[in-house]
Amino acid sequence: MYLRKAVKNFFIVLGINSSENAGMDNTEKRQRGRPRAFNGPAEANSVQSLDRALRILAIVAEASGLSLSEIAAQSGIAASTAYRMLTTLENHGMVEFDTTDQLWSVGVETYRMGAAFLRRRKLVDRARIVMQELMEKTGETANLGVAEDDCVVFVSQVETHQAIRAFFRPGTRSPFHASGIGKAVLAHLEPDRVAAILRKAGLQRYTDKTLSDISALAHDLATIKHRGWSVDDEERHPGMRCVAAAIFNEYGEPIGGVSVSGPTVRVTPERLAEIGPLVHAAAAEVTKMIGGVRAG
């Protein structure tokens, strides 16, 4: 009855085509990182310039190296204008240019600014000891992720000592519907907020087990909210299973989560009942440490 009611409420506000935003492969051949000729006019509007530069920086940060033509295509900005902004960002250390591969990548100053945000919240530092304990109790890698507008960003990890283990580089992004932390966050949001997020991000299918069907996802979110923890059952990466629970701020809003991830041969269905409560308790402890309040 609980699940049926939750799913019904979910559908009232949701109107999504699960095939939307399925993602497109970029097959454009890489070209040089600088234009053949560069004589572009000065930007007339400084606010517009800032908006465009930040858009370019976000695109570069998402990739491991992009050519100028790729950046121009993804941003919708002329190559000459994009190049002018890239060189300005480069002068400030925000991006870097590899003269050998002719590719642009994110710079060290961008990382330092991101680290300043994390220091301000102190979430990573305060969660570290909890994650260490969680890893020791479960024997699997513990992860910390924060929610952004359309995805989860992994910001910290305590790796297990096992030879075969899960690994997420800090800054790695994962879609809400195909990650343990993402689903734990969605489960504690109002249905209209979930609908808005999924309309923007879509329900791309990554594996045979990805919940790209809205009905299946709605049922799973209702179960997660009732139980207190989520399971990513090979929904993003085949052979990997993850158990997660949400972290809340002082307003009772989910802002991220803690998870345990590992290969399916160790994180078996039989172990979920053991791992789930441990992850839930760890997330509750981190919530308390940052002055948060768990949603009722």
C-alpha atoms as a PDB file:
ATOM      1  CA  MET A   1       0.000   0.000   0.000  1.00  0.00           C
ATOM      2  CA  TYR A   2       2.815   2.394   0.892  1.00  0.00           C
ATOM      3  CA  LEU A   3       4.634   1.768  -2.382  1.00  0.00           C
ATOM      4  CA  ARG A   4       1.459   2.039  -4.462  1.00  0.00           C
ATOM      5  CA  LYS A   5       0.602   5.425  -2.927  1.00  0.00           C
ATOM      6  CA  ALA A   6       4.128   6.766  -3.317  1.00  0.00           C
ATOM      7  CA  VAL A   7       4.285   5.704  -6.952  1.00  0.00           C
ATOM      8  CA  LYS A   8       0.872   7.225  -7.654  1.00  0.00           C
ATOM      9  CA  ASN A   9       1.990  10.579  -6.213  1.00  0.00           C
ATOM     10  CA  PHE A  10       5.164  10.346  -8.235  1.00  0.00           C
ATOM     11  CA  PHE A  11       3.287   9.924 -11.515  1.00  0.00           C
ATOM     12  CA  ILE A  12       0.891  12.785 -10.798  1.00  0.00           C
ATOM     13  CA  VAL A  13       3.641  15.326 -11.367  1.00  0.00           C
ATOM     14  CA  LEU A  14       5.792  13.361 -13.804  1.00  0.00           C
ATOM     15  CA  GLY A  15       5.522  13.486 -17.570  1.00  0.00           C
ATOM     16  CA  ILE A  16       8.726  12.061 -18.935  1.00  0.00           C
ATOM     17  CA  ASN A  17       9.693  10.149 -22.015  1.00  0.00           C
ATOM     18  CA  SER A  18      12.347   7.747 -20.766  1.00  0.00           C
ATOM     19  CA  SER A  19      14.057   7.851 -24.135  1.00  0.00           C
ATOM     20  CA  GLU A  20      14.692  11.582 -23.854  1.00  0.00           C
ATOM     21  CA  ASN A  21      18.236  12.826 -23.638  1.00  0.00           C
ATOM     22  CA  ALA A  22      19.566   9.362 -24.372  1.00  0.00           C
ATOM     23  CA  GLY A  23      22.934  10.868 -25.101  1.00  0.00           C
ATOM     24  CA  MET A  24      24.702  11.201 -28.409  1.00  0.00           C
ATOM     25  CA  ASP A  25      28.126  10.069 -29.399  1.00  0.00           C
ATOM     26  CA  ASN A  26      30.426  12.827 -30.583  1.00  0.00           C
ATOM     27  CA  THR A  27      32.172  11.443 -33.624  1.00  0.00           C
ATOM     28  CA  GLU A  28      33.780  14.661 -34.731  1.00  0.00           C
ATOM     29  CA  LYS A  29      37.398  14.196 -35.692  1.00  0.00           C
ATOM     30  CA  ARG A  30      39.787  16.036 -33.379  1.00  0.00           C
ATOM     31  CA  GLN A  31      41.348  19.102 -34.918  1.00  0.00           C
ATOM     32  CA  ARG A  32      43.951  21.581 -33.828  1.00  0.00           C
ATOM     33  CA  GLY A  33      43.606  23.443 -30.525  1.00  0.00           C
ATOM     34  CA  ARG A  34      44.054  26.882 -32.126  1.00  0.00           C
ATOM     35  CA  PRO A  35      42.295  28.486 -35.099  1.00  0.00           C
ATOM     36  CA  ARG A  36      44.100  29.050 -38.396  1.00  0.00           C
ATOM     37  CA  ALA A  37      43.603  32.780 -38.045  1.00  0.00           C
ATOM     38  CA  PHE A  38      42.725  34.792 -34.998  1.00  0.00           C
ATOM     39  CA  ASN A  39      41.567  38.377 -35.423  1.00  0.00           C
ATOM     40  CA  GLY A  40      38.272  38.367 -33.490  1.00  0.00           C
ATOM     41  CA  PRO A  41      36.711  41.617 -32.227  1.00  0.00           C
ATOM     42  CA  ALA A  42      36.620  42.503 -28.541  1.00  0.00           C
ATOM     43  CA  GLU A  43      33.584  41.239 -26.654  1.00  0.00           C
ATOM     44  CA  ALA A  44      31.001  44.017 -26.304  1.00  0.00           C
ATOM     45  CA  ASN A  45      29.208  42.702 -23.265  1.00  0.00           C
ATOM     46  CA  SER A  46      31.400  41.727 -20.289  1.00  0.00           C
ATOM     47  CA  VAL A  47      28.561  39.850 -18.539  1.00  0.00           C
ATOM     48  CA  GLN A  48      27.925  37.807 -21.680  1.00  0.00           C
ATOM     49  CA  SER A  49      31.649  37.131 -21.908  1.00  0.00           C
ATOM     50  CA  LEU A  50      31.698  35.807 -18.352  1.00  0.00           C
ATOM     51  CA  ASP A  51      28.710  33.579 -19.026  1.00  0.00           C
ATOM     52  CA  ARG A  52      30.359  32.146 -22.134  1.00  0.00           C
ATOM     53  CA  ALA A  53      33.701  31.657 -20.409  1.00  0.00           C
ATOM     54  CA  LEU A  54      32.081  29.756 -17.543  1.00  0.00           C
ATOM     55  CA  ARG A  55      30.200  27.621 -20.051  1.00  0.00           C
ATOM     56  CA  ILE A  56      33.482  26.773 -21.777  1.00  0.00           C
ATOM     57  CA  LEU A  57      35.164  26.015 -18.454  1.00  0.00           C
ATOM     58  CA  ALA A  58      32.354  23.609 -17.510  1.00  0.00           C
ATOM     59  CA  ILE A  59      32.675  21.803 -20.859  1.00  0.00           C
ATOM     60  CA  VAL A  60      36.456  21.462 -20.525  1.00  0.00           C
ATOM     61  CA  ALA A  61      36.140  20.222 -16.932  1.00  0.00           C
ATOM     62  CA  GLU A  62      33.828  17.407 -18.031  1.00  0.00           C
ATOM     63  CA  ALA A  63      36.358  15.898 -20.447  1.00  0.00           C
ATOM     64  CA  SER A  64      39.903  14.563 -20.379  1.00  0.00           C
ATOM     65  CA  GLY A  65      41.037  16.821 -23.205  1.00  0.00           C
ATOM     66  CA  LEU A  66      39.194  18.622 -26.004  1.00  0.00           C
ATOM     67  CA  SER A  67      40.236  20.297 -29.239  1.00  0.00           C
ATOM     68  CA  LEU A  68      39.200  23.847 -29.995  1.00  0.00           C
ATOM     69  CA  SER A  69      36.686  22.675 -32.600  1.00  0.00           C
ATOM     70  CA  GLU A  70      35.083  20.300 -30.085  1.00  0.00           C
ATOM     71  CA  ILE A  71      34.791  23.052 -27.471  1.00  0.00           C
ATOM     72  CA  ALA A  72      33.298  25.446 -30.020  1.00  0.00           C
ATOM     73  CA  ALA A  73      30.791  22.835 -31.182  1.00  0.00           C
ATOM     74  CA  GLN A  74      29.675  21.856 -27.671  1.00  0.00           C
ATOM     75  CA  SER A  75      29.400  25.447 -26.446  1.00  0.00           C
ATOM     76  CA  GLY A  76      27.818  26.900 -29.581  1.00  0.00           C
ATOM     77  CA  ILE A  77      30.453  29.652 -29.546  1.00  0.00           C
ATOM     78  CA  ALA A  78      32.538  30.654 -32.559  1.00  0.00           C
ATOM     79  CA  ALA A  79      36.026  29.139 -32.530  1.00  0.00           C
ATOM     80  CA  SER A  80      37.740  32.545 -32.517  1.00  0.00           C
ATOM     81  CA  THR A  81      35.689  33.706 -29.526  1.00  0.00           C
ATOM     82  CA  ALA A  82      36.162  30.394 -27.733  1.00  0.00           C
ATOM     83  CA  TYR A  83      39.918  30.612 -28.272  1.00  0.00           C
ATOM     84  CA  ARG A  84      40.076  34.144 -26.843  1.00  0.00           C
ATOM     85  CA  MET A  85      38.252  32.968 -23.732  1.00  0.00           C
ATOM     86  CA  LEU A  86      40.363  29.836 -23.407  1.00  0.00           C
ATOM     87  CA  THR A  87      43.588  31.850 -23.501  1.00  0.00           C
ATOM     88  CA  THR A  88      42.224  34.184 -20.811  1.00  0.00           C
ATOM     89  CA  LEU A  89      41.300  31.188 -18.652  1.00  0.00           C
ATOM     90  CA  GLU A  90      44.750  29.736 -19.336  1.00  0.00           C
ATOM     91  CA  ASN A  91      46.417  32.951 -18.132  1.00  0.00           C
ATOM     92  CA  HIS A  92      44.625  32.450 -14.803  1.00  0.00           C
ATOM     93  CA  GLY A  93      45.496  28.758 -14.563  1.00  0.00           C
ATOM     94  CA  MET A  94      41.884  27.691 -15.019  1.00  0.00           C
ATOM     95  CA  VAL A  95      42.630  25.623 -18.140  1.00  0.00           C
ATOM     96  CA  GLU A  96      45.775  24.171 -19.664  1.00  0.00           C
ATOM     97  CA  PHE A  97      46.807  23.635 -23.293  1.00  0.00           C
ATOM     98  CA  ASP A  98      48.837  20.604 -24.385  1.00  0.00           C
ATOM     99  CA  THR A  99      50.948  21.740 -27.329  1.00  0.00           C
ATOM    100  CA  THR A 100      51.721  18.150 -28.318  1.00  0.00           C
ATOM    101  CA  ASP A 101      48.169  16.839 -28.536  1.00  0.00           C
ATOM    102  CA  GLN A 102      46.650  20.276 -29.222  1.00  0.00           C
ATOM    103  CA  LEU A 103      44.037  19.669 -26.532  1.00  0.00           C
ATOM    104  CA  TRP A 104      42.593  21.819 -23.765  1.00  0.00           C
ATOM    105  CA  SER A 105      42.029  20.453 -20.251  1.00  0.00           C
ATOM    106  CA  VAL A 106      41.067  21.806 -16.834  1.00  0.00           C
ATOM    107  CA  GLY A 107      43.788  23.644 -14.895  1.00  0.00           C
ATOM    108  CA  VAL A 108      45.064  23.445 -11.345  1.00  0.00           C
ATOM    109  CA  GLU A 109      43.445  26.730 -10.269  1.00  0.00           C
ATOM    110  CA  THR A 110      40.017  25.290 -11.038  1.00  0.00           C
ATOM    111  CA  TYR A 111      40.787  22.393  -8.719  1.00  0.00           C
ATOM    112  CA  ARG A 112      41.912  24.781  -5.992  1.00  0.00           C
ATOM    113  CA  MET A 113      38.676  26.740  -6.207  1.00  0.00           C
ATOM    114  CA  GLY A 114      36.656  23.536  -5.995  1.00  0.00           C
ATOM    115  CA  ALA A 115      38.707  22.451  -3.000  1.00  0.00           C
ATOM    116  CA  ALA A 116      37.949  25.793  -1.320  1.00  0.00           C
ATOM    117  CA  PHE A 117      34.235  25.053  -1.604  1.00  0.00           C
ATOM    118  CA  LEU A 118      34.713  21.659  -0.018  1.00  0.00           C
ATOM    119  CA  ARG A 119      36.749  23.186   2.804  1.00  0.00           C
ATOM    120  CA  ARG A 120      33.973  25.665   3.451  1.00  0.00           C
ATOM    121  CA  ARG A 121      31.408  22.938   3.850  1.00  0.00           C
ATOM    122  CA  LYS A 122      33.883  20.703   5.714  1.00  0.00           C
ATOM    123  CA  LEU A 123      31.832  17.785   4.546  1.00  0.00           C
ATOM    124  CA  VAL A 124      34.775  15.787   3.215  1.00  0.00           C
ATOM    125  CA  ASP A 125      36.931  16.232   6.308  1.00  0.00           C
ATOM    126  CA  ARG A 126      34.155  15.402   8.741  1.00  0.00           C
ATOM    127  CA  ALA A 127      32.976  12.407   6.759  1.00  0.00           C
ATOM    128  CA  ARG A 128      36.430  10.884   6.375  1.00  0.00           C
ATOM    129  CA  ILE A 129      36.567   9.045   9.696  1.00  0.00           C
ATOM    130  CA  VAL A 130      33.040   7.708   9.199  1.00  0.00           C
ATOM    131  CA  MET A 131      33.967   6.459   5.728  1.00  0.00           C
ATOM    132  CA  GLN A 132      37.104   4.805   7.097  1.00  0.00           C
ATOM    133  CA  GLU A 133      35.058   2.950   9.701  1.00  0.00           C
ATOM    134  CA  LEU A 134      32.475   1.972   7.095  1.00  0.00           C
ATOM    135  CA  MET A 135      35.161   0.543   4.828  1.00  0.00           C
ATOM    136  CA  GLU A 136      36.611  -1.486   7.702  1.00  0.00           C
ATOM    137  CA  LYS A 137      33.199  -2.832   8.745  1.00  0.00           C
ATOM    138  CA  THR A 138      32.128  -3.848   5.245  1.00  0.00           C
ATOM    139  CA  GLY A 139      35.487  -4.631   3.678  1.00  0.00           C
ATOM    140  CA  GLU A 140      34.502  -2.583   0.620  1.00  0.00           C
ATOM    141  CA  THR A 141      35.290   0.870  -0.762  1.00  0.00           C
ATOM    142  CA  ALA A 142      33.380   3.739   0.858  1.00  0.00           C
ATOM    143  CA  ASN A 143      32.372   6.763  -1.222  1.00  0.00           C
ATOM    144  CA  LEU A 144      31.107  10.286  -0.560  1.00  0.00           C
ATOM    145  CA  GLY A 145      29.090  12.135  -3.201  1.00  0.00           C
ATOM    146  CA  VAL A 146      27.330  15.491  -3.367  1.00  0.00           C
ATOM    147  CA  ALA A 147      24.232  16.304  -5.399  1.00  0.00           C
ATOM    148  CA  GLU A 148      24.309  18.888  -8.153  1.00  0.00           C
ATOM    149  CA  ASP A 149      21.446  20.013 -10.392  1.00  0.00           C
ATOM    150  CA  ASP A 150      21.465  16.994 -12.687  1.00  0.00           C
ATOM    151  CA  CYS A 151      23.979  14.501 -11.299  1.00  0.00           C
ATOM    152  CA  VAL A 152      26.003  13.270  -8.335  1.00  0.00           C
ATOM    153  CA  VAL A 153      29.664  14.260  -8.020  1.00  0.00           C
ATOM    154  CA  PHE A 154      32.000  11.959  -6.093  1.00  0.00           C
ATOM    155  CA  VAL A 155      34.259  14.041  -3.834  1.00  0.00           C
ATOM    156  CA  SER A 156      36.004  11.507  -1.597  1.00  0.00           C
ATOM    157  CA  GLN A 157      36.739   7.808  -1.332  1.00  0.00           C
ATOM    158  CA  VAL A 158      38.309   5.371   1.128  1.00  0.00           C
ATOM    159  CA  GLU A 159      39.478   2.354  -0.825  1.00  0.00           C
ATOM    160  CA  THR A 160      39.375  -1.201   0.419  1.00  0.00           C
ATOM    161  CA  HIS A 161      42.558  -3.246   0.598  1.00  0.00           C
ATOM    162  CA  GLN A 162      41.090  -5.854  -1.741  1.00  0.00           C
ATOM    163  CA  ALA A 163      42.914  -6.287  -5.047  1.00  0.00           C
ATOM    164  CA  ILE A 164      39.693  -5.945  -7.036  1.00  0.00           C
ATOM    165  CA  ARG A 165      37.809  -2.857  -5.905  1.00  0.00           C
ATOM    166  CA  ALA A 166      35.677   0.050  -7.026  1.00  0.00           C
ATOM    167  CA  PHE A 167      37.402   3.319  -7.892  1.00  0.00           C
ATOM    168  CA  PHE A 168      35.913   6.742  -8.607  1.00  0.00           C
ATOM    169  CA  ARG A 169      38.264   9.639  -9.258  1.00  0.00           C
ATOM    170  CA  PRO A 170      37.263  12.760  -7.263  1.00  0.00           C
ATOM    171  CA  GLY A 171      35.120  14.871  -9.552  1.00  0.00           C
ATOM    172  CA  THR A 172      33.574  11.860 -11.295  1.00  0.00           C
ATOM    173  CA  ARG A 173      29.934  12.497 -12.173  1.00  0.00           C
ATOM    174  CA  SER A 174      27.168   9.932 -12.131  1.00  0.00           C
ATOM    175  CA  PRO A 175      23.512  10.284 -13.173  1.00  0.00           C
ATOM    176  CA  PHE A 176      20.913  10.325 -10.427  1.00  0.00           C
ATOM    177  CA  HIS A 177      18.882   7.412 -11.748  1.00  0.00           C
ATOM    178  CA  ALA A 178      21.866   5.087 -12.248  1.00  0.00           C
ATOM    179  CA  SER A 179      23.797   5.505  -8.999  1.00  0.00           C
ATOM    180  CA  GLY A 180      23.195   4.465  -5.409  1.00  0.00           C
ATOM    181  CA  ILE A 181      23.743   7.942  -3.972  1.00  0.00           C
ATOM    182  CA  GLY A 182      21.695   9.524  -6.748  1.00  0.00           C
ATOM    183  CA  LYS A 183      18.688   7.312  -6.099  1.00  0.00           C
ATOM    184  CA  ALA A 184      19.014   7.827  -2.335  1.00  0.00           C
ATOM    185  CA  VAL A 185      18.823  11.592  -2.927  1.00  0.00           C
ATOM    186  CA  LEU A 186      15.880  11.350  -5.348  1.00  0.00           C
ATOM    187  CA  ALA A 187      13.948   9.179  -2.901  1.00  0.00           C
ATOM    188  CA  HIS A 188      13.863  12.024  -0.364  1.00  0.00           C
ATOM    189  CA  LEU A 189      12.872  14.802  -2.762  1.00  0.00           C
ATOM    190  CA  GLU A 190       9.343  15.958  -3.528  1.00  0.00           C
ATOM    191  CA  PRO A 191       7.882  14.318  -6.653  1.00  0.00           C
ATOM    192  CA  ASP A 192       7.787  17.591  -8.603  1.00  0.00           C
ATOM    193  CA  ARG A 193      11.489  18.142  -7.905  1.00  0.00           C
ATOM    194  CA  VAL A 194      12.280  14.593  -9.036  1.00  0.00           C
ATOM    195  CA  ALA A 195      10.249  15.186 -12.185  1.00  0.00           C
ATOM    196  CA  ALA A 196      12.183  18.370 -12.976  1.00  0.00           C
ATOM    197  CA  ILE A 197      15.536  16.660 -12.475  1.00  0.00           C
ATOM    198  CA  LEU A 198      14.647  13.698 -14.677  1.00  0.00           C
ATOM    199  CA  ARG A 199      13.211  15.909 -17.414  1.00  0.00           C
ATOM    200  CA  LYS A 200      16.517  17.733 -17.567  1.00  0.00           C
ATOM    201  CA  ALA A 201      18.856  14.759 -17.198  1.00  0.00           C
ATOM    202  CA  GLY A 202      16.843  12.044 -18.938  1.00  0.00           C
ATOM    203  CA  LEU A 203      16.916   8.327 -18.206  1.00  0.00           C
ATOM    204  CA  GLN A 204      19.807   7.043 -20.265  1.00  0.00           C
ATOM    205  CA  ARG A 205      20.297   3.270 -20.251  1.00  0.00           C
ATOM    206  CA  TYR A 206      23.849   2.230 -19.317  1.00  0.00           C
ATOM    207  CA  THR A 207      23.414  -1.500 -18.703  1.00  0.00           C
ATOM    208  CA  ASP A 208      20.659  -4.088 -18.992  1.00  0.00           C
ATOM    209  CA  LYS A 209      19.771  -3.318 -15.369  1.00  0.00           C
ATOM    210  CA  THR A 210      19.549   0.476 -15.602  1.00  0.00           C
ATOM    211  CA  LEU A 211      16.149   1.709 -14.432  1.00  0.00           C
ATOM    212  CA  SER A 212      15.365   3.647 -17.591  1.00  0.00           C
ATOM    213  CA  ASP A 213      11.663   2.839 -17.246  1.00  0.00           C
ATOM    214  CA  ILE A 214       9.950   5.498 -15.169  1.00  0.00           C
ATOM    215  CA  SER A 215       7.552   3.038 -13.529  1.00  0.00           C
ATOM    216  CA  ALA A 216      10.396   0.811 -12.325  1.00  0.00           C
ATOM    217  CA  LEU A 217      12.328   3.823 -11.050  1.00  0.00           C
ATOM    218  CA  ALA A 218       9.296   5.179  -9.181  1.00  0.00           C
ATOM    219  CA  HIS A 219       8.763   1.851  -7.408  1.00  0.00           C
ATOM    220  CA  ASP A 220      12.451   1.703  -6.488  1.00  0.00           C
ATOM    221  CA  LEU A 221      12.465   5.244  -5.076  1.00  0.00           C
ATOM    222  CA  ALA A 222       9.427   4.476  -2.930  1.00  0.00           C
ATOM    223  CA  THR A 223      11.162   1.375  -1.567  1.00  0.00           C
ATOM    224  CA  ILE A 224      14.349   3.337  -0.864  1.00  0.00           C
ATOM    225  CA  LYS A 225      12.519   6.046   1.081  1.00  0.00           C
ATOM    226  CA  HIS A 226      10.692   3.458   3.181  1.00  0.00           C
ATOM    227  CA  ARG A 227      13.803   1.341   3.816  1.00  0.00           C
ATOM    228  CA  GLY A 228      16.365   4.139   4.230  1.00  0.00           C
ATOM    229  CA  TRP A 229      19.021   2.946   1.788  1.00  0.00           C
ATOM    230  CA  SER A 230      19.368   2.276  -1.929  1.00  0.00           C
ATOM    231  CA  VAL A 231      20.995  -0.347  -4.132  1.00  0.00           C
ATOM    232  CA  ASP A 232      22.696   0.238  -7.467  1.00  0.00           C
ATOM    233  CA  ASP A 233      22.500  -3.310  -8.815  1.00  0.00           C
ATOM    234  CA  GLU A 234      24.886  -3.133 -11.806  1.00  0.00           C
ATOM    235  CA  GLU A 235      22.825  -0.213 -13.103  1.00  0.00           C
ATOM    236  CA  ARG A 236      25.826   1.932 -14.103  1.00  0.00           C
ATOM    237  CA  HIS A 237      28.728  -0.518 -14.375  1.00  0.00           C
ATOM    238  CA  PRO A 238      28.318  -4.262 -15.048  1.00  0.00           C
ATOM    239  CA  GLY A 239      29.790  -6.410 -12.287  1.00  0.00           C
ATOM    240  CA  MET A 240      29.619  -3.652  -9.650  1.00  0.00           C
ATOM    241  CA  ARG A 241      27.031  -3.280  -6.888  1.00  0.00           C
ATOM    242  CA  CYS A 242      26.585  -0.269  -4.590  1.00  0.00           C
ATOM    243  CA  VAL A 243      24.610   0.413  -1.391  1.00  0.00           C
ATOM    244  CA  ALA A 244      23.970   4.066  -0.446  1.00  0.00           C
ATOM    245  CA  ALA A 245      22.108   6.355   1.936  1.00  0.00           C
ATOM    246  CA  ALA A 246      21.416  10.091   1.826  1.00  0.00           C
ATOM    247  CA  ILE A 247      23.044  12.887   3.839  1.00  0.00           C
ATOM    248  CA  PHE A 248      20.832  15.819   4.862  1.00  0.00           C
ATOM    249  CA  ASN A 249      21.464  19.505   5.593  1.00  0.00           C
ATOM    250  CA  GLU A 250      20.029  21.598   8.408  1.00  0.00           C
ATOM    251  CA  TYR A 251      16.726  21.912   6.552  1.00  0.00           C
ATOM    252  CA  GLY A 252      16.263  18.177   6.141  1.00  0.00           C
ATOM    253  CA  GLU A 253      17.102  18.363   2.441  1.00  0.00           C
ATOM    254  CA  PRO A 254      19.239  15.608   0.843  1.00  0.00           C
ATOM    255  CA  ILE A 255      22.537  17.104  -0.313  1.00  0.00           C
ATOM    256  CA  GLY A 256      24.495  13.947  -1.119  1.00  0.00           C
ATOM    257  CA  GLY A 257      25.215  10.568   0.325  1.00  0.00           C
ATOM    258  CA  VAL A 258      27.545   7.864   1.534  1.00  0.00           C
ATOM    259  CA  SER A 259      27.905   4.565  -0.284  1.00  0.00           C
ATOM    260  CA  VAL A 260      29.759   1.264  -0.273  1.00  0.00           C
ATOM    261  CA  SER A 261      30.638  -0.265  -3.627  1.00  0.00           C
ATOM    262  CA  GLY A 262      32.355  -3.402  -4.778  1.00  0.00           C
ATOM    263  CA  PRO A 263      32.257  -6.314  -7.215  1.00  0.00           C
ATOM    264  CA  THR A 264      29.071  -8.367  -7.271  1.00  0.00           C
ATOM    265  CA  VAL A 265      30.996 -11.496  -6.260  1.00  0.00           C
ATOM    266  CA  ARG A 266      31.584  -9.879  -2.837  1.00  0.00           C
ATOM    267  CA  VAL A 267      28.673  -7.462  -2.512  1.00  0.00           C
ATOM    268  CA  THR A 268      26.150 -10.238  -2.961  1.00  0.00           C
ATOM    269  CA  PRO A 269      22.357  -9.969  -2.602  1.00  0.00           C
ATOM    270  CA  GLU A 270      22.680 -11.932   0.645  1.00  0.00           C
ATOM    271  CA  ARG A 271      24.955  -9.214   2.112  1.00  0.00           C
ATOM    272  CA  LEU A 272      22.642  -6.307   1.341  1.00  0.00           C
ATOM    273  CA  ALA A 273      20.669  -6.726   4.571  1.00  0.00           C
ATOM    274  CA  GLU A 274      23.958  -6.481   6.469  1.00  0.00           C
ATOM    275  CA  ILE A 275      25.537  -3.612   4.514  1.00  0.00           C
ATOM    276  CA  GLY A 276      22.403  -1.467   4.131  1.00  0.00           C
ATOM    277  CA  PRO A 277      21.925  -0.599   7.831  1.00  0.00           C
ATOM    278  CA  LEU A 278      25.660   0.102   8.196  1.00  0.00           C
ATOM    279  CA  VAL A 279      25.586   2.575   5.311  1.00  0.00           C
ATOM    280  CA  HIS A 280      22.400   4.143   6.640  1.00  0.00           C
ATOM    281  CA  ALA A 281      24.000   4.615  10.074  1.00  0.00           C
ATOM    282  CA  ALA A 282      27.127   6.127   8.495  1.00  0.00           C
ATOM    283  CA  ALA A 283      25.076   8.638   6.506  1.00  0.00           C
ATOM    284  CA  ALA A 284      23.129   9.563   9.646  1.00  0.00           C
ATOM    285  CA  GLU A 285      26.403  10.148  11.492  1.00  0.00           C
ATOM    286  CA  VAL A 286      27.718  12.450   8.753  1.00  0.00           C
ATOM    287  CA  THR A 287      24.394  14.305   8.748  1.00  0.00           C
ATOM    288  CA  LYS A 288      24.792  14.901  12.480  1.00  0.00           C
ATOM    289  CA  MET A 289      28.416  16.021  12.072  1.00  0.00           C
ATOM    290  CA  ILE A 290      27.485  18.806   9.631  1.00  0.00           C
ATOM    291  CA  GLY A 291      24.538  19.958  11.698  1.00  0.00           C
ATOM    292  CA  GLY A 292      21.975  18.371   9.439  1.00  0.00           C
ATOM    293  CA  VAL A 293      18.593  16.905  10.262  1.00  0.00           C
ATOM    294  CA  ARG A 294      17.300  13.723   8.688  1.00  0.00           C
ATOM    295  CA  ALA A 295      14.048  14.165   6.801  1.00  0.00           C
ATOM    296  CA  GLY A 296      11.024  12.673   8.502  1.00  0.00           C
END
